[in-house]
Amino acid sequence: MSSKVEPIGICDHCGDPIPRGEWRTSHGRPRRFCSVDCRNTANSRAGALIRSVKAKKRVAAGVWKNPRSFLSVKENRELNVNAARKGRQREIAEGRWRNPALDDAAREKLSRPRTVTDPLVHRAIELMRQGMKLRELPAELRNAYNAYSREYEREHRDEIRARQRAAYKKRRAHRVRD
């Protein structure tokens, strides 16, 4: 059992005061947390590193299999759509949902012209944003997107390479510190 970190009367997790009459447990030890939620959260965070190490070992050993890998592409897409739909329905029922396009910044953005003027490329980008893979696109959309992508890369090659160099230097600096 771990010992108390904060002074007696202060929650070790959230830092809120514990009521004066509840500073000690029935066993006479200092009370560490102000509520069950704080205790559960602190215990979960304390065990997160252990769970992470065990999970990484299972992945490295090849024992763990992603449960979603047993689903078809269509079933995976339905799961993603259903999760988003349920979240939105919950917000609507609670009265919290607002149409994001009603925001002033969104209206300003939506009123600007599209950066991609080719409707085929635009449709391909929208489908990929919704989770469709490039190889799943119809041939016409895939060919239009590939042509656009090659042209974009050719025009912005210097910027792309600068971003890649910066990312490499950042990863390398991070590795050196470890």
Protein backbone atom coordinates (compact mmCIF):
# COMPACT_ATOMS: atom_id res chain seq x y z
CA MET A 1 0.00 0.00 0.00
CA SER A 2 1.37 3.41 -0.92
CA SER A 3 1.68 6.20 1.60
CA LYS A 4 0.04 9.61 1.70
CA VAL A 5 1.70 12.28 -0.45
CA GLU A 6 -0.20 15.46 0.40
CA PRO A 7 -0.63 16.78 3.96
CA ILE A 8 -3.39 15.21 6.06
CA GLY A 9 -6.77 16.68 5.10
CA ILE A 10 -5.84 17.19 1.42
CA CYS A 11 -6.78 14.72 -1.34
CA ASP A 12 -3.72 13.09 -2.96
CA HIS A 13 -5.42 13.10 -6.36
CA CYS A 14 -7.33 16.34 -6.87
CA GLY A 15 -5.90 18.48 -4.05
CA ASP A 16 -9.32 19.35 -2.62
CA PRO A 17 -9.78 19.43 1.16
CA ILE A 18 -11.17 16.36 2.92
CA PRO A 19 -13.84 17.18 5.55
CA ARG A 20 -12.22 17.48 9.00
CA GLY A 21 -14.07 14.57 10.58
CA GLU A 22 -12.96 12.22 7.78
CA TRP A 23 -9.18 12.82 7.84
CA ARG A 24 -8.50 9.27 9.02
CA THR A 25 -9.85 5.87 8.00
CA SER A 26 -11.55 3.48 10.40
CA HIS A 27 -8.13 1.80 10.80
CA GLY A 28 -6.55 5.08 11.95
CA ARG A 29 -4.53 5.67 8.77
CA PRO A 30 -4.61 9.08 7.03
CA ARG A 31 -7.31 9.20 4.34
CA ARG A 32 -5.68 9.64 0.92
CA PHE A 33 -8.65 10.59 -1.28
CA CYS A 34 -11.71 12.81 -0.86
CA SER A 35 -14.07 10.53 -2.82
CA VAL A 36 -14.46 7.16 -4.46
CA ASP A 37 -14.02 8.79 -7.87
CA CYS A 38 -10.65 10.25 -6.89
CA ARG A 39 -9.54 6.91 -5.46
CA ASN A 40 -10.61 5.01 -8.58
CA THR A 41 -8.96 7.51 -10.90
CA ALA A 42 -5.71 7.52 -8.94
CA ASN A 43 -5.62 3.72 -8.80
CA SER A 44 -6.32 3.50 -12.52
CA ARG A 45 -3.53 5.95 -13.34
CA ALA A 46 -1.13 4.14 -11.03
CA GLY A 47 -1.81 0.85 -12.82
CA ALA A 48 -1.76 2.34 -16.32
CA LEU A 49 2.00 1.91 -16.72
CA ILE A 50 1.81 -1.74 -15.65
CA ARG A 51 -1.10 -2.44 -18.03
CA SER A 52 0.76 -0.66 -20.82
CA VAL A 53 3.92 -2.72 -20.34
CA LYS A 54 1.93 -5.97 -20.27
CA ALA A 55 -0.01 -5.00 -23.40
CA LYS A 56 3.20 -4.10 -25.25
CA LYS A 57 4.70 -7.47 -24.29
CA ARG A 58 1.62 -9.27 -25.66
CA VAL A 59 1.86 -7.31 -28.92
CA ALA A 60 5.60 -8.00 -29.23
CA ALA A 61 5.06 -11.72 -28.59
CA GLY A 62 2.34 -11.83 -31.25
CA VAL A 63 -0.29 -13.03 -28.78
CA TRP A 64 -2.57 -9.98 -29.02
CA LYS A 65 -4.87 -9.66 -32.00
CA ASN A 66 -6.86 -6.53 -32.73
CA PRO A 67 -10.53 -7.52 -32.38
CA ARG A 68 -11.43 -5.17 -35.20
CA SER A 69 -9.17 -7.11 -37.57
CA PHE A 70 -11.76 -9.92 -37.53
CA LEU A 71 -14.42 -7.54 -38.88
CA SER A 72 -14.93 -6.72 -42.52
CA VAL A 73 -14.25 -3.23 -43.85
CA LYS A 74 -17.97 -2.58 -44.02
CA GLU A 75 -18.53 -3.66 -40.39
CA ASN A 76 -15.62 -1.46 -39.22
CA ARG A 77 -17.05 1.54 -41.03
CA GLU A 78 -20.49 0.89 -39.52
CA LEU A 79 -18.98 0.77 -36.02
CA ASN A 80 -17.30 4.15 -36.53
CA VAL A 81 -20.45 5.73 -37.97
CA ASN A 82 -22.66 4.27 -35.23
CA ALA A 83 -20.35 5.55 -32.46
CA ALA A 84 -20.40 9.07 -33.91
CA ARG A 85 -24.16 8.93 -34.43
CA LYS A 86 -24.81 7.78 -30.84
CA GLY A 87 -22.64 10.57 -29.45
CA ARG A 88 -24.48 13.15 -31.54
CA GLN A 89 -27.88 11.71 -30.55
CA ARG A 90 -26.91 11.91 -26.87
CA GLU A 91 -25.91 15.56 -27.30
CA ILE A 92 -29.21 16.31 -29.07
CA ALA A 93 -31.21 14.62 -26.31
CA GLU A 94 -29.36 16.62 -23.65
CA GLY A 95 -29.84 19.85 -25.61
CA ARG A 96 -26.07 20.44 -25.95
CA TRP A 97 -25.69 19.92 -29.70
CA ARG A 98 -25.26 22.93 -31.96
CA ASN A 99 -24.79 22.87 -35.69
CA PRO A 100 -21.05 23.55 -36.11
CA ALA A 101 -21.72 25.46 -39.32
CA LEU A 102 -23.59 28.15 -37.36
CA ASP A 103 -20.37 29.34 -35.73
CA ASP A 104 -19.00 32.60 -37.20
CA ALA A 105 -15.59 31.09 -37.93
CA ALA A 106 -17.22 28.12 -39.67
CA ARG A 107 -19.43 30.37 -41.77
CA GLU A 108 -16.42 32.40 -42.83
CA LYS A 109 -14.52 29.23 -43.75
CA LEU A 110 -17.46 27.76 -45.64
CA SER A 111 -17.92 30.95 -47.62
CA ARG A 112 -14.34 30.80 -48.96
CA PRO A 113 -13.82 29.11 -52.32
CA ARG A 114 -12.58 25.53 -52.32
CA THR A 115 -8.84 25.05 -52.57
CA VAL A 116 -9.41 21.96 -54.72
CA THR A 117 -11.53 22.95 -57.69
CA ASP A 118 -11.69 19.54 -59.40
CA PRO A 119 -14.96 17.94 -58.23
CA LEU A 120 -13.55 14.40 -58.57
CA VAL A 121 -10.56 15.19 -56.35
CA HIS A 122 -12.79 17.00 -53.88
CA ARG A 123 -15.12 13.99 -53.67
CA ALA A 124 -12.15 11.64 -53.19
CA ILE A 125 -10.79 13.78 -50.34
CA GLU A 126 -14.21 13.89 -48.68
CA LEU A 127 -14.62 10.11 -48.90
CA MET A 128 -11.15 9.53 -47.45
CA ARG A 129 -11.91 12.00 -44.66
CA GLN A 130 -14.92 9.83 -43.81
CA GLY A 131 -12.67 6.78 -43.43
CA MET A 132 -12.57 5.24 -46.88
CA LYS A 133 -9.13 4.02 -47.97
CA LEU A 134 -7.57 5.16 -51.25
CA ARG A 135 -7.66 1.62 -52.63
CA GLU A 136 -11.41 1.43 -51.90
CA LEU A 137 -12.23 4.48 -54.02
CA PRO A 138 -13.73 4.00 -57.48
CA ALA A 139 -11.06 3.99 -60.20
CA GLU A 140 -12.12 7.39 -61.59
CA LEU A 141 -11.78 9.12 -58.19
CA ARG A 142 -8.57 7.25 -57.34
CA ASN A 143 -6.90 8.25 -60.63
CA ALA A 144 -7.94 11.89 -60.23
CA TYR A 145 -6.65 11.97 -56.64
CA ASN A 146 -3.33 10.33 -57.57
CA ALA A 147 -2.76 12.87 -60.36
CA TYR A 148 -3.60 15.74 -57.99
CA SER A 149 -1.33 14.29 -55.29
CA ARG A 150 1.64 13.96 -57.67
CA GLU A 151 1.16 17.51 -58.92
CA TYR A 152 0.81 18.89 -55.39
CA GLU A 153 3.96 17.09 -54.26
CA ARG A 154 5.90 18.37 -57.26
CA GLU A 155 4.82 21.97 -56.58
CA HIS A 156 5.47 21.82 -52.81
CA ARG A 157 8.48 19.49 -52.76
CA ASP A 158 10.74 21.92 -50.86
CA GLU A 159 8.14 22.55 -48.13
CA ILE A 160 7.42 18.83 -47.76
CA ARG A 161 11.10 17.99 -47.46
CA ALA A 162 11.63 20.77 -44.90
CA ARG A 163 8.78 19.34 -42.77
CA GLN A 164 10.24 15.84 -43.09
CA ARG A 165 13.71 17.08 -42.06
CA ALA A 166 12.27 18.89 -39.04
CA ALA A 167 10.32 15.77 -38.00
CA TYR A 168 13.44 13.62 -38.40
CA LYS A 169 15.54 16.01 -36.31
CA LYS A 170 12.85 16.05 -33.63
CA ARG A 171 12.71 12.23 -33.51
CA ARG A 172 16.49 12.01 -33.48
CA ALA A 173 16.79 14.56 -30.65
CA HIS A 174 14.16 12.65 -28.69
CA ARG A 175 16.08 9.36 -29.16
CA VAL A 176 19.35 10.92 -28.03
CA ARG A 177 17.80 12.16 -24.76
CA ASP A 178 16.37 8.74 -23.89
